[in-house]
Amino acid sequence: MTKEDDYRRNAAETLKLASRAASSGDKGRLLSLAEKWLDLAERTRDLARRRAGRVRVLHPLIHAKMPDVWHDTPSPTGRR
């Protein structure tokens, strides 16, 4: 299970608690907390997507010593 899944599960549990809250103040605070859990889940998902799409660029010294590593990634000098 991912962090995103955990956060969404926490939001669902918080909504269940809110539905059983006796006072409107408690209900409002729990609903606000559930929104924050969902926001955190979305931010976590977005961060994971950005990281997955990130291209790794080798340090120039590593590229000079090991030019065959990561053929599809251009070196910092623009050469492959």
N, C-alpha and C. Protein backbone atom coordinates (compact mmCIF):
# COMPACT_ATOMS: atom_id res chain seq x y z
N MET A 1 0.84 -1.17 0.00
CA MET A 1 0.00 0.00 0.00
C MET A 1 0.89 1.25 0.00
N THR A 2 0.53 2.22 -0.79
CA THR A 2 1.33 3.43 -0.91
C THR A 2 0.92 4.46 0.15
N LYS A 3 1.75 5.49 0.28
CA LYS A 3 1.40 6.58 1.19
C LYS A 3 0.09 7.23 0.75
N GLU A 4 -0.07 7.38 -0.57
CA GLU A 4 -1.31 7.97 -1.07
C GLU A 4 -2.51 7.16 -0.61
N ASP A 5 -2.42 5.84 -0.71
CA ASP A 5 -3.51 4.97 -0.26
C ASP A 5 -3.77 5.15 1.24
N ASP A 6 -2.69 5.21 2.01
CA ASP A 6 -2.83 5.41 3.46
C ASP A 6 -3.55 6.72 3.76
N TYR A 7 -3.17 7.79 3.07
CA TYR A 7 -3.78 9.09 3.30
C TYR A 7 -5.26 9.07 2.93
N ARG A 8 -5.58 8.41 1.83
CA ARG A 8 -6.99 8.32 1.42
C ARG A 8 -7.80 7.48 2.42
N ARG A 9 -7.19 6.43 2.93
CA ARG A 9 -7.87 5.61 3.94
C ARG A 9 -8.10 6.44 5.21
N ASN A 10 -7.11 7.23 5.60
CA ASN A 10 -7.27 8.11 6.77
C ASN A 10 -8.41 9.10 6.54
N ALA A 11 -8.51 9.63 5.34
CA ALA A 11 -9.60 10.57 5.02
C ALA A 11 -10.95 9.88 5.15
N ALA A 12 -11.06 8.66 4.66
CA ALA A 12 -12.32 7.92 4.74
C ALA A 12 -12.70 7.66 6.20
N GLU A 13 -11.72 7.27 7.01
CA GLU A 13 -11.99 7.03 8.43
C GLU A 13 -12.41 8.32 9.13
N THR A 14 -11.79 9.41 8.77
CA THR A 14 -12.13 10.70 9.37
C THR A 14 -13.55 11.10 8.98
N LEU A 15 -13.94 10.82 7.74
CA LEU A 15 -15.32 11.11 7.31
C LEU A 15 -16.33 10.27 8.10
N LYS A 16 -15.98 9.02 8.36
CA LYS A 16 -16.87 8.17 9.17
C LYS A 16 -17.05 8.76 10.57
N LEU A 17 -15.94 9.21 11.14
CA LEU A 17 -16.01 9.84 12.46
C LEU A 17 -16.87 11.10 12.41
N ALA A 18 -16.71 11.89 11.35
CA ALA A 18 -17.48 13.13 11.21
C ALA A 18 -18.97 12.83 11.12
N SER A 19 -19.32 11.73 10.47
CA SER A 19 -20.74 11.41 10.33
C SER A 19 -21.37 11.03 11.67
N ARG A 20 -20.55 10.62 12.63
CA ARG A 20 -21.05 10.24 13.95
C ARG A 20 -20.83 11.31 15.01
N ALA A 21 -20.23 12.42 14.62
CA ALA A 21 -19.93 13.47 15.60
C ALA A 21 -21.21 14.07 16.17
N ALA A 22 -21.19 14.31 17.47
CA ALA A 22 -22.38 14.83 18.15
C ALA A 22 -22.57 16.33 17.91
N SER A 23 -21.48 17.07 17.90
CA SER A 23 -21.62 18.52 17.75
C SER A 23 -21.21 18.96 16.34
N SER A 24 -21.78 20.07 15.93
CA SER A 24 -21.44 20.59 14.60
C SER A 24 -19.99 21.07 14.57
N GLY A 25 -19.47 21.53 15.71
CA GLY A 25 -18.07 21.96 15.77
C GLY A 25 -17.12 20.81 15.53
N ASP A 26 -17.39 19.67 16.21
CA ASP A 26 -16.56 18.49 16.00
C ASP A 26 -16.66 17.99 14.56
N LYS A 27 -17.88 18.00 14.04
CA LYS A 27 -18.08 17.56 12.66
C LYS A 27 -17.28 18.43 11.69
N GLY A 28 -17.32 19.74 11.90
CA GLY A 28 -16.59 20.66 11.03
C GLY A 28 -15.09 20.45 11.08
N ARG A 29 -14.57 20.23 12.30
CA ARG A 29 -13.13 20.00 12.44
C ARG A 29 -12.72 18.69 11.78
N LEU A 30 -13.54 17.67 11.91
CA LEU A 30 -13.22 16.38 11.29
C LEU A 30 -13.30 16.46 9.76
N LEU A 31 -14.29 17.19 9.26
CA LEU A 31 -14.38 17.36 7.80
C LEU A 31 -13.17 18.13 7.27
N SER A 32 -12.74 19.13 8.02
CA SER A 32 -11.54 19.88 7.63
C SER A 32 -10.31 18.96 7.63
N LEU A 33 -10.21 18.12 8.63
CA LEU A 33 -9.09 17.16 8.69
C LEU A 33 -9.14 16.18 7.51
N ALA A 34 -10.33 15.70 7.17
CA ALA A 34 -10.46 14.79 6.02
C ALA A 34 -10.00 15.47 4.73
N GLU A 35 -10.35 16.74 4.56
CA GLU A 35 -9.89 17.49 3.38
C GLU A 35 -8.37 17.57 3.35
N LYS A 36 -7.77 17.76 4.50
CA LYS A 36 -6.30 17.85 4.56
C LYS A 36 -5.66 16.51 4.21
N TRP A 37 -6.26 15.41 4.66
CA TRP A 37 -5.75 14.09 4.27
C TRP A 37 -5.82 13.91 2.76
N LEU A 38 -6.94 14.33 2.15
CA LEU A 38 -7.07 14.20 0.70
C LEU A 38 -6.09 15.10 -0.04
N ASP A 39 -5.88 16.31 0.46
CA ASP A 39 -4.89 17.20 -0.15
C ASP A 39 -3.50 16.57 -0.09
N LEU A 40 -3.18 15.98 1.05
CA LEU A 40 -1.88 15.33 1.20
C LEU A 40 -1.75 14.14 0.23
N ALA A 41 -2.82 13.39 0.05
CA ALA A 41 -2.80 12.27 -0.90
C ALA A 41 -2.55 12.77 -2.32
N GLU A 42 -3.20 13.85 -2.70
CA GLU A 42 -3.01 14.40 -4.05
C GLU A 42 -1.60 14.94 -4.23
N ARG A 43 -1.07 15.61 -3.22
CA ARG A 43 0.30 16.12 -3.32
C ARG A 43 1.30 14.98 -3.43
N THR A 44 1.05 13.91 -2.68
CA THR A 44 1.93 12.74 -2.73
C THR A 44 1.89 12.10 -4.12
N ARG A 45 0.69 11.98 -4.69
CA ARG A 45 0.53 11.43 -6.03
C ARG A 45 1.25 12.30 -7.07
N ASP A 46 1.07 13.60 -6.97
CA ASP A 46 1.70 14.51 -7.93
C ASP A 46 3.22 14.45 -7.82
N LEU A 47 3.75 14.37 -6.61
CA LEU A 47 5.19 14.27 -6.42
C LEU A 47 5.72 12.97 -7.03
N ALA A 48 5.02 11.88 -6.82
CA ALA A 48 5.45 10.59 -7.39
C ALA A 48 5.46 10.65 -8.92
N ARG A 49 4.46 11.30 -9.50
CA ARG A 49 4.42 11.43 -10.97
C ARG A 49 5.59 12.28 -11.49
N ARG A 50 5.89 13.37 -10.77
CA ARG A 50 7.02 14.21 -11.20
C ARG A 50 8.33 13.45 -11.11
N ARG A 51 8.49 12.69 -10.03
CA ARG A 51 9.73 11.93 -9.86
C ARG A 51 9.86 10.84 -10.92
N ALA A 52 8.75 10.24 -11.30
CA ALA A 52 8.79 9.18 -12.31
C ALA A 52 9.20 9.73 -13.68
N GLY A 53 8.86 10.97 -13.96
CA GLY A 53 9.17 11.56 -15.25
C GLY A 53 10.50 12.28 -15.31
N ARG A 54 11.21 12.32 -14.19
CA ARG A 54 12.47 13.04 -14.12
C ARG A 54 13.55 12.32 -14.92
N VAL A 55 14.32 13.08 -15.67
CA VAL A 55 15.44 12.53 -16.45
C VAL A 55 16.71 12.71 -15.63
N ARG A 56 17.46 11.64 -15.52
CA ARG A 56 18.72 11.72 -14.77
C ARG A 56 19.84 12.15 -15.70
N VAL A 57 20.61 13.12 -15.27
CA VAL A 57 21.76 13.60 -16.02
C VAL A 57 23.00 13.29 -15.20
N LEU A 58 23.97 12.71 -15.86
CA LEU A 58 25.20 12.34 -15.18
C LEU A 58 26.07 13.56 -14.90
N HIS A 59 26.78 13.48 -13.81
CA HIS A 59 27.79 14.49 -13.51
C HIS A 59 28.85 14.39 -14.61
N PRO A 60 29.42 15.51 -15.07
CA PRO A 60 30.38 15.48 -16.18
C PRO A 60 31.57 14.54 -15.94
N LEU A 61 32.06 14.45 -14.71
CA LEU A 61 33.20 13.57 -14.43
C LEU A 61 32.81 12.09 -14.57
N ILE A 62 31.62 11.74 -14.11
CA ILE A 62 31.16 10.35 -14.26
C ILE A 62 30.94 10.03 -15.73
N HIS A 63 30.35 10.96 -16.45
CA HIS A 63 30.11 10.74 -17.88
C HIS A 63 31.44 10.58 -18.63
N ALA A 64 32.45 11.34 -18.25
CA ALA A 64 33.76 11.23 -18.90
C ALA A 64 34.40 9.87 -18.65
N LYS A 65 34.21 9.33 -17.44
CA LYS A 65 34.81 8.04 -17.10
C LYS A 65 33.97 6.86 -17.58
N MET A 66 32.66 7.06 -17.69
CA MET A 66 31.75 5.97 -18.06
C MET A 66 30.76 6.45 -19.12
N PRO A 67 31.21 6.73 -20.31
CA PRO A 67 30.32 7.31 -21.33
C PRO A 67 29.20 6.37 -21.79
N ASP A 68 29.31 5.07 -21.53
CA ASP A 68 28.29 4.14 -21.97
C ASP A 68 27.10 4.02 -21.02
N VAL A 69 27.17 4.69 -19.88
CA VAL A 69 26.08 4.63 -18.92
C VAL A 69 24.95 5.54 -19.38
N TRP A 70 23.73 5.04 -19.34
CA TRP A 70 22.54 5.79 -19.72
C TRP A 70 22.69 6.42 -21.10
N HIS A 71 22.72 5.57 -22.11
CA HIS A 71 22.87 6.04 -23.49
C HIS A 71 21.85 7.09 -23.89
N ASP A 72 20.63 6.95 -23.38
CA ASP A 72 19.57 7.86 -23.81
C ASP A 72 19.60 9.21 -23.10
N THR A 73 20.48 9.38 -22.13
CA THR A 73 20.57 10.64 -21.41
C THR A 73 21.74 11.44 -21.95
N PRO A 74 21.46 12.64 -22.45
CA PRO A 74 22.58 13.45 -22.95
C PRO A 74 23.50 13.89 -21.83
N SER A 75 24.74 13.99 -22.15
CA SER A 75 25.69 14.48 -21.15
C SER A 75 25.48 15.97 -20.95
N PRO A 76 26.01 16.52 -19.89
CA PRO A 76 25.85 17.96 -19.65
C PRO A 76 26.45 18.82 -20.77
N THR A 77 27.37 18.27 -21.55
CA THR A 77 27.95 19.03 -22.64
C THR A 77 27.13 18.93 -23.92
N GLY A 78 26.06 18.11 -23.87
CA GLY A 78 25.21 17.96 -25.05
C GLY A 78 25.60 16.78 -25.92
N ARG A 79 26.75 16.14 -25.62
CA ARG A 79 27.18 14.97 -26.40
C ARG A 79 26.65 13.70 -25.76
N ARG A 80 26.49 12.66 -26.56
CA ARG A 80 26.05 11.37 -26.06
C ARG A 80 27.19 10.40 -26.02
